[in-house]
């Protein structure tokens, strides 16, 4: 699901201002750096995270609710 959207966003090169986005992706906290390495996130992955962040923040409640609905549906 996210991979297709990521590829589409990268193909379109929709970054409105790449310099501003890249400034928001400064990863300096050791725990965050460790997580980024563990997940093997690339620079492009981090750009995509920054790109979709406003959309996710707007819809976070619905996303979380849907996640847990699906999670508990298959748990039982």
PDB file of N, CA and C in Angstrom:
ATOM      1  N   UNK A   1       0.829  -1.195   0.000  1.00  0.00           N
ATOM      2  CA  UNK A   1       0.000   0.000   0.000  1.00  0.00           C
ATOM      3  C   UNK A   1       0.865   1.247   0.000  1.00  0.00           C
ATOM      4  N   UNK A   2       1.734   1.399   1.002  1.00  0.00           N
ATOM      5  CA  UNK A   2       2.555   2.592   1.091  1.00  0.00           C
ATOM      6  C   UNK A   2       3.628   2.603   0.011  1.00  0.00           C
ATOM      7  N   UNK A   3       4.127   1.416  -0.360  1.00  0.00           N
ATOM      8  CA  UNK A   3       5.180   1.346  -1.361  1.00  0.00           C
ATOM      9  C   UNK A   3       4.700   1.928  -2.692  1.00  0.00           C
ATOM     10  N   UNK A   4       3.472   1.589  -3.088  1.00  0.00           N
ATOM     11  CA  UNK A   4       2.940   2.108  -4.342  1.00  0.00           C
ATOM     12  C   UNK A   4       2.809   3.624  -4.284  1.00  0.00           C
ATOM     13  N   UNK A   5       2.309   4.127  -3.152  1.00  0.00           N
ATOM     14  CA  UNK A   5       2.172   5.580  -3.011  1.00  0.00           C
ATOM     15  C   UNK A   5       3.535   6.246  -3.017  1.00  0.00           C
ATOM     16  N   UNK A   6       4.499   5.620  -2.344  1.00  0.00           N
ATOM     17  CA  UNK A   6       5.853   6.161  -2.293  1.00  0.00           C
ATOM     18  C   UNK A   6       6.424   6.237  -3.699  1.00  0.00           C
ATOM     19  N   UNK A   7       6.298   5.136  -4.453  1.00  0.00           N
ATOM     20  CA  UNK A   7       6.832   5.115  -5.805  1.00  0.00           C
ATOM     21  C   UNK A   7       6.172   6.171  -6.668  1.00  0.00           C
ATOM     22  N   UNK A   8       4.862   6.326  -6.513  1.00  0.00           N
ATOM     23  CA  UNK A   8       4.134   7.333  -7.289  1.00  0.00           C
ATOM     24  C   UNK A   8       4.620   8.733  -6.935  1.00  0.00           C
ATOM     25  N   UNK A   9       4.781   8.995  -5.638  1.00  0.00           N
ATOM     26  CA  UNK A   9       5.251  10.307  -5.197  1.00  0.00           C
ATOM     27  C   UNK A   9       6.662  10.569  -5.690  1.00  0.00           C
ATOM     28  N   UNK A  10       7.518   9.561  -5.638  1.00  0.00           N
ATOM     29  CA  UNK A  10       8.891   9.734  -6.095  1.00  0.00           C
ATOM     30  C   UNK A  10       8.945   9.943  -7.609  1.00  0.00           C
ATOM     31  N   UNK A  11       8.104   9.197  -8.355  1.00  0.00           N
ATOM     32  CA  UNK A  11       8.089   9.357  -9.801  1.00  0.00           C
ATOM     33  C   UNK A  11       7.655  10.763 -10.198  1.00  0.00           C
ATOM     34  N   UNK A  12       6.632  11.263  -9.514  1.00  0.00           N
ATOM     35  CA  UNK A  12       6.130  12.598  -9.824  1.00  0.00           C
ATOM     36  C   UNK A  12       7.091  13.684  -9.364  1.00  0.00           C
ATOM     37  N   UNK A  13       7.962  13.325  -8.412  1.00  0.00           N
ATOM     38  CA  UNK A  13       8.880  14.287  -7.820  1.00  0.00           C
ATOM     39  C   UNK A  13       8.101  15.485  -7.288  1.00  0.00           C
ATOM     40  N   UNK A  14       7.135  15.189  -6.429  1.00  0.00           N
ATOM     41  CA  UNK A  14       6.234  16.199  -5.899  1.00  0.00           C
ATOM     42  C   UNK A  14       6.824  17.039  -4.776  1.00  0.00           C
ATOM     43  N   UNK A  15       8.078  16.900  -4.477  1.00  0.00           N
ATOM     44  CA  UNK A  15       8.644  17.657  -3.368  1.00  0.00           C
ATOM     45  C   UNK A  15       8.548  19.137  -3.705  1.00  0.00           C
ATOM     46  N   UNK A  16       7.771  19.853  -2.948  1.00  0.00           N
ATOM     47  CA  UNK A  16       7.548  21.268  -3.223  1.00  0.00           C
ATOM     48  C   UNK A  16       8.829  22.071  -3.038  1.00  0.00           C
ATOM     49  N   UNK A  17       9.536  21.780  -1.980  1.00  0.00           N
ATOM     50  CA  UNK A  17      10.786  22.484  -1.729  1.00  0.00           C
ATOM     51  C   UNK A  17      11.734  21.509  -1.049  1.00  0.00           C
ATOM     52  N   UNK A  18      12.537  20.837  -1.844  1.00  0.00           N
ATOM     53  CA  UNK A  18      13.374  19.764  -1.332  1.00  0.00           C
ATOM     54  C   UNK A  18      14.292  20.233  -0.217  1.00  0.00           C
ATOM     55  N   UNK A  19      14.779  21.457  -0.284  1.00  0.00           N
ATOM     56  CA  UNK A  19      15.677  21.953   0.756  1.00  0.00           C
ATOM     57  C   UNK A  19      14.958  22.034   2.097  1.00  0.00           C
ATOM     58  N   UNK A  20      13.724  22.505   2.102  1.00  0.00           N
ATOM     59  CA  UNK A  20      12.961  22.600   3.343  1.00  0.00           C
ATOM     60  C   UNK A  20      12.684  21.208   3.890  1.00  0.00           C
ATOM     61  N   UNK A  21      12.293  20.289   3.029  1.00  0.00           N
ATOM     62  CA  UNK A  21      12.029  18.925   3.463  1.00  0.00           C
ATOM     63  C   UNK A  21      13.289  18.306   4.040  1.00  0.00           C
ATOM     64  N   UNK A  22      14.410  18.475   3.375  1.00  0.00           N
ATOM     65  CA  UNK A  22      15.638  17.847   3.857  1.00  0.00           C
ATOM     66  C   UNK A  22      16.051  18.425   5.205  1.00  0.00           C
ATOM     67  N   UNK A  23      15.753  19.669   5.480  1.00  0.00           N
ATOM     68  CA  UNK A  23      16.069  20.246   6.787  1.00  0.00           C
ATOM     69  C   UNK A  23      15.223  19.598   7.882  1.00  0.00           C
ATOM     70  N   UNK A  24      14.028  19.166   7.557  1.00  0.00           N
ATOM     71  CA  UNK A  24      13.161  18.535   8.549  1.00  0.00           C
ATOM     72  C   UNK A  24      13.575  17.094   8.823  1.00  0.00           C
ATOM     73  N   UNK A  25      14.504  16.570   8.051  1.00  0.00           N
ATOM     74  CA  UNK A  25      14.882  15.173   8.180  1.00  0.00           C
ATOM     75  C   UNK A  25      16.218  15.021   8.903  1.00  0.00           C
ATOM     76  N   UNK A  26      16.637  15.996   9.599  1.00  0.00           N
ATOM     77  CA  UNK A  26      17.879  15.885  10.351  1.00  0.00           C
ATOM     78  C   UNK A  26      17.652  14.905  11.490  1.00  0.00           C
ATOM     79  N   UNK A  27      18.399  13.821  11.463  1.00  0.00           N
ATOM     80  CA  UNK A  27      18.273  12.776  12.467  1.00  0.00           C
ATOM     81  C   UNK A  27      19.529  12.825  13.321  1.00  0.00           C
ATOM     82  N   UNK A  28      19.401  13.409  14.510  1.00  0.00           N
ATOM     83  CA  UNK A  28      20.594  13.569  15.332  1.00  0.00           C
ATOM     84  C   UNK A  28      20.503  12.826  16.664  1.00  0.00           C
ATOM     85  N   UNK A  29      19.307  12.485  17.094  1.00  0.00           N
ATOM     86  CA  UNK A  29      19.175  11.777  18.366  1.00  0.00           C
ATOM     87  C   UNK A  29      19.633  10.336  18.179  1.00  0.00           C
ATOM     88  N   UNK A  30      20.506   9.830  19.049  1.00  0.00           N
ATOM     89  CA  UNK A  30      21.042   8.475  18.877  1.00  0.00           C
ATOM     90  C   UNK A  30      19.972   7.385  18.779  1.00  0.00           C
ATOM     91  N   UNK A  31      18.894   7.500  19.550  1.00  0.00           N
ATOM     92  CA  UNK A  31      17.844   6.482  19.487  1.00  0.00           C
ATOM     93  C   UNK A  31      17.124   6.517  18.139  1.00  0.00           C
ATOM     94  N   UNK A  32      16.914   7.709  17.607  1.00  0.00           N
ATOM     95  CA  UNK A  32      16.247   7.831  16.308  1.00  0.00           C
ATOM     96  C   UNK A  32      17.166   7.292  15.220  1.00  0.00           C
ATOM     97  N   UNK A  33      18.432   7.647  15.290  1.00  0.00           N
ATOM     98  CA  UNK A  33      19.402   7.152  14.317  1.00  0.00           C
ATOM     99  C   UNK A  33      19.439   5.628  14.327  1.00  0.00           C
ATOM    100  N   UNK A  34      19.409   5.044  15.516  1.00  0.00           N
ATOM    101  CA  UNK A  34      19.411   3.584  15.655  1.00  0.00           C
ATOM    102  C   UNK A  34      18.182   2.969  14.984  1.00  0.00           C
ATOM    103  N   UNK A  35      17.009   3.580  15.191  1.00  0.00           N
ATOM    104  CA  UNK A  35      15.767   3.067  14.599  1.00  0.00           C
ATOM    105  C   UNK A  35      15.793   3.177  13.071  1.00  0.00           C
ATOM    106  N   UNK A  36      16.315   4.293  12.567  1.00  0.00           N
ATOM    107  CA  UNK A  36      16.408   4.486  11.113  1.00  0.00           C
ATOM    108  C   UNK A  36      17.302   3.406  10.508  1.00  0.00           C
ATOM    109  N   UNK A  37      18.416   3.122  11.154  1.00  0.00           N
ATOM    110  CA  UNK A  37      19.319   2.076  10.659  1.00  0.00           C
ATOM    111  C   UNK A  37      18.671   0.700  10.758  1.00  0.00           C
ATOM    112  N   UNK A  38      17.997   0.433  11.872  1.00  0.00           N
ATOM    113  CA  UNK A  38      17.356  -0.855  12.080  1.00  0.00           C
ATOM    114  C   UNK A  38      16.306  -1.119  10.994  1.00  0.00           C
ATOM    115  N   UNK A  39      15.543  -0.087  10.644  1.00  0.00           N
ATOM    116  CA  UNK A  39      14.501  -0.214   9.625  1.00  0.00           C
ATOM    117  C   UNK A  39      15.045  -0.086   8.204  1.00  0.00           C
ATOM    118  N   UNK A  40      16.338   0.217   8.113  1.00  0.00           N
ATOM    119  CA  UNK A  40      17.011   0.400   6.819  1.00  0.00           C
ATOM    120  C   UNK A  40      16.304   1.439   5.957  1.00  0.00           C
ATOM    121  N   UNK A  41      15.962   2.563   6.567  1.00  0.00           N
ATOM    122  CA  UNK A  41      15.299   3.643   5.837  1.00  0.00           C
ATOM    123  C   UNK A  41      16.328   4.407   5.016  1.00  0.00           C
ATOM    124  N   UNK A  42      16.008   4.610   3.775  1.00  0.00           N
ATOM    125  CA  UNK A  42      16.895   5.377   2.888  1.00  0.00           C
ATOM    126  C   UNK A  42      16.553   6.860   2.988  1.00  0.00           C
ATOM    127  N   UNK A  43      17.363   7.664   2.350  1.00  0.00           N
ATOM    128  CA  UNK A  43      17.091   9.099   2.307  1.00  0.00           C
ATOM    129  C   UNK A  43      15.738   9.349   1.628  1.00  0.00           C
ATOM    130  N   UNK A  44      15.441   8.581   0.588  1.00  0.00           N
ATOM    131  CA  UNK A  44      14.159   8.717  -0.116  1.00  0.00           C
ATOM    132  C   UNK A  44      12.998   8.344   0.803  1.00  0.00           C
ATOM    133  N   UNK A  45      13.193   7.314   1.631  1.00  0.00           N
ATOM    134  CA  UNK A  45      12.154   6.927   2.597  1.00  0.00           C
ATOM    135  C   UNK A  45      11.883   8.078   3.562  1.00  0.00           C
ATOM    136  N   UNK A  46      12.940   8.714   4.036  1.00  0.00           N
ATOM    137  CA  UNK A  46      12.778   9.822   4.977  1.00  0.00           C
ATOM    138  C   UNK A  46      12.117  11.023   4.311  1.00  0.00           C
ATOM    139  N   UNK A  47      12.430  11.261   3.030  1.00  0.00           N
ATOM    140  CA  UNK A  47      11.744  12.323   2.289  1.00  0.00           C
ATOM    141  C   UNK A  47      10.247  12.027   2.216  1.00  0.00           C
ATOM    142  N   UNK A  48       9.919  10.769   1.933  1.00  0.00           N
ATOM    143  CA  UNK A  48       8.514  10.394   1.821  1.00  0.00           C
ATOM    144  C   UNK A  48       7.795  10.563   3.160  1.00  0.00           C
ATOM    145  N   UNK A  49       8.439  10.179   4.243  1.00  0.00           N
ATOM    146  CA  UNK A  49       7.856  10.351   5.578  1.00  0.00           C
ATOM    147  C   UNK A  49       7.568  11.827   5.832  1.00  0.00           C
ATOM    148  N   UNK A  50       8.522  12.679   5.508  1.00  0.00           N
ATOM    149  CA  UNK A  50       8.318  14.119   5.695  1.00  0.00           C
ATOM    150  C   UNK A  50       7.197  14.639   4.798  1.00  0.00           C
ATOM    151  N   UNK A  51       7.102  14.089   3.598  1.00  0.00           N
ATOM    152  CA  UNK A  51       6.089  14.521   2.636  1.00  0.00           C
ATOM    153  C   UNK A  51       4.672  14.180   3.094  1.00  0.00           C
ATOM    154  N   UNK A  52       4.480  12.980   3.670  1.00  0.00           N
ATOM    155  CA  UNK A  52       3.138  12.553   4.068  1.00  0.00           C
ATOM    156  C   UNK A  52       2.792  12.928   5.509  1.00  0.00           C
ATOM    157  N   UNK A  53       3.750  13.449   6.249  1.00  0.00           N
ATOM    158  CA  UNK A  53       3.517  13.779   7.659  1.00  0.00           C
ATOM    159  C   UNK A  53       2.286  14.656   7.868  1.00  0.00           C
ATOM    160  N   UNK A  54       2.096  15.759   7.127  1.00  0.00           N
ATOM    161  CA  UNK A  54       0.900  16.591   7.353  1.00  0.00           C
ATOM    162  C   UNK A  54      -0.406  15.832   7.122  1.00  0.00           C
ATOM    163  N   UNK A  55      -0.433  14.964   6.136  1.00  0.00           N
ATOM    164  CA  UNK A  55      -1.630  14.179   5.854  1.00  0.00           C
ATOM    165  C   UNK A  55      -1.906  13.191   6.987  1.00  0.00           C
ATOM    166  N   UNK A  56      -0.867  12.530   7.460  1.00  0.00           N
ATOM    167  CA  UNK A  56      -1.023  11.569   8.558  1.00  0.00           C
ATOM    168  C   UNK A  56      -1.479  12.284   9.820  1.00  0.00           C
ATOM    169  N   UNK A  57      -0.875  13.431  10.111  1.00  0.00           N
ATOM    170  CA  UNK A  57      -1.268  14.181  11.308  1.00  0.00           C
ATOM    171  C   UNK A  57      -2.738  14.579  11.271  1.00  0.00           C
ATOM    172  N   UNK A  58      -3.219  14.939  10.097  1.00  0.00           N
ATOM    173  CA  UNK A  58      -4.611  15.339   9.942  1.00  0.00           C
ATOM    174  C   UNK A  58      -5.568  14.174  10.196  1.00  0.00           C
ATOM    175  N   UNK A  59      -5.168  12.970   9.800  1.00  0.00           N
ATOM    176  CA  UNK A  59      -6.058  11.810   9.858  1.00  0.00           C
ATOM    177  C   UNK A  59      -5.613  10.751  10.859  1.00  0.00           C
ATOM    178  N   UNK A  60      -4.779  11.117  11.827  1.00  0.00           N
ATOM    179  CA  UNK A  60      -4.187  10.129  12.728  1.00  0.00           C
ATOM    180  C   UNK A  60      -5.238   9.345  13.515  1.00  0.00           C
ATOM    181  N   UNK A  61      -6.270   9.998  14.001  1.00  0.00           N
ATOM    182  CA  UNK A  61      -7.284   9.283  14.786  1.00  0.00           C
ATOM    183  C   UNK A  61      -7.951   8.180  13.975  1.00  0.00           C
ATOM    184  N   UNK A  62      -8.338   8.489  12.758  1.00  0.00           N
ATOM    185  CA  UNK A  62      -8.969   7.490  11.897  1.00  0.00           C
ATOM    186  C   UNK A  62      -8.013   6.369  11.526  1.00  0.00           C
ATOM    187  N   UNK A  63      -6.756   6.700  11.266  1.00  0.00           N
ATOM    188  CA  UNK A  63      -5.760   5.683  10.931  1.00  0.00           C
ATOM    189  C   UNK A  63      -5.538   4.724  12.089  1.00  0.00           C
ATOM    190  N   UNK A  64      -5.427   5.262  13.290  1.00  0.00           N
ATOM    191  CA  UNK A  64      -5.214   4.421  14.470  1.00  0.00           C
ATOM    192  C   UNK A  64      -6.430   3.539  14.721  1.00  0.00           C
ATOM    193  N   UNK A  65      -7.621   4.128  14.645  1.00  0.00           N
ATOM    194  CA  UNK A  65      -8.846   3.344  14.841  1.00  0.00           C
ATOM    195  C   UNK A  65      -8.955   2.213  13.828  1.00  0.00           C
ATOM    196  N   UNK A  66      -8.689   2.506  12.572  1.00  0.00           N
ATOM    197  CA  UNK A  66      -8.760   1.491  11.516  1.00  0.00           C
ATOM    198  C   UNK A  66      -7.716   0.397  11.740  1.00  0.00           C
ATOM    199  N   UNK A  67      -6.520   0.803  12.149  1.00  0.00           N
ATOM    200  CA  UNK A  67      -5.465  -0.170  12.425  1.00  0.00           C
ATOM    201  C   UNK A  67      -5.924  -1.168  13.492  1.00  0.00           C
ATOM    202  N   UNK A  68      -6.423  -0.645  14.612  1.00  0.00           N
ATOM    203  CA  UNK A  68      -6.824  -1.536  15.702  1.00  0.00           C
ATOM    204  C   UNK A  68      -8.075  -2.350  15.368  1.00  0.00           C
ATOM    205  N   UNK A  69      -8.978  -1.799  14.587  1.00  0.00           N
ATOM    206  CA  UNK A  69     -10.127  -2.583  14.145  1.00  0.00           C
ATOM    207  C   UNK A  69      -9.681  -3.797  13.362  1.00  0.00           C
ATOM    208  N   UNK A  70      -8.749  -3.586  12.429  1.00  0.00           N
ATOM    209  CA  UNK A  70      -8.227  -4.683  11.619  1.00  0.00           C
ATOM    210  C   UNK A  70      -7.406  -5.645  12.464  1.00  0.00           C
ATOM    211  N   UNK A  71      -6.604  -5.106  13.363  1.00  0.00           N
ATOM    212  CA  UNK A  71      -5.749  -5.924  14.216  1.00  0.00           C
ATOM    213  C   UNK A  71      -6.590  -6.879  15.064  1.00  0.00           C
ATOM    214  N   UNK A  72      -7.615  -6.351  15.724  1.00  0.00           N
ATOM    215  CA  UNK A  72      -8.446  -7.175  16.596  1.00  0.00           C
ATOM    216  C   UNK A  72      -9.357  -8.103  15.813  1.00  0.00           C
ATOM    217  N   UNK A  73      -9.685  -7.726  14.594  1.00  0.00           N
ATOM    218  CA  UNK A  73     -10.517  -8.571  13.756  1.00  0.00           C
ATOM    219  C   UNK A  73      -9.819  -9.905  13.479  1.00  0.00           C
ATOM    220  N   UNK A  74      -8.520  -9.857  13.232  1.00  0.00           N
ATOM    221  CA  UNK A  74      -7.770 -11.076  12.906  1.00  0.00           C
ATOM    222  C   UNK A  74      -7.121 -11.723  14.114  1.00  0.00           C
ATOM    223  N   UNK A  75      -7.179 -11.072  15.249  1.00  0.00           N
ATOM    224  CA  UNK A  75      -6.609 -11.615  16.474  1.00  0.00           C
ATOM    225  C   UNK A  75      -7.483 -12.725  17.046  1.00  0.00           C
ATOM    226  N   UNK A  76      -8.793 -12.557  16.883  1.00  0.00           N
ATOM    227  CA  UNK A  76      -9.745 -13.508  17.470  1.00  0.00           C
ATOM    228  C   UNK A  76      -9.891 -14.751  16.632  1.00  0.00           C
TER     229      UNK A  76
END
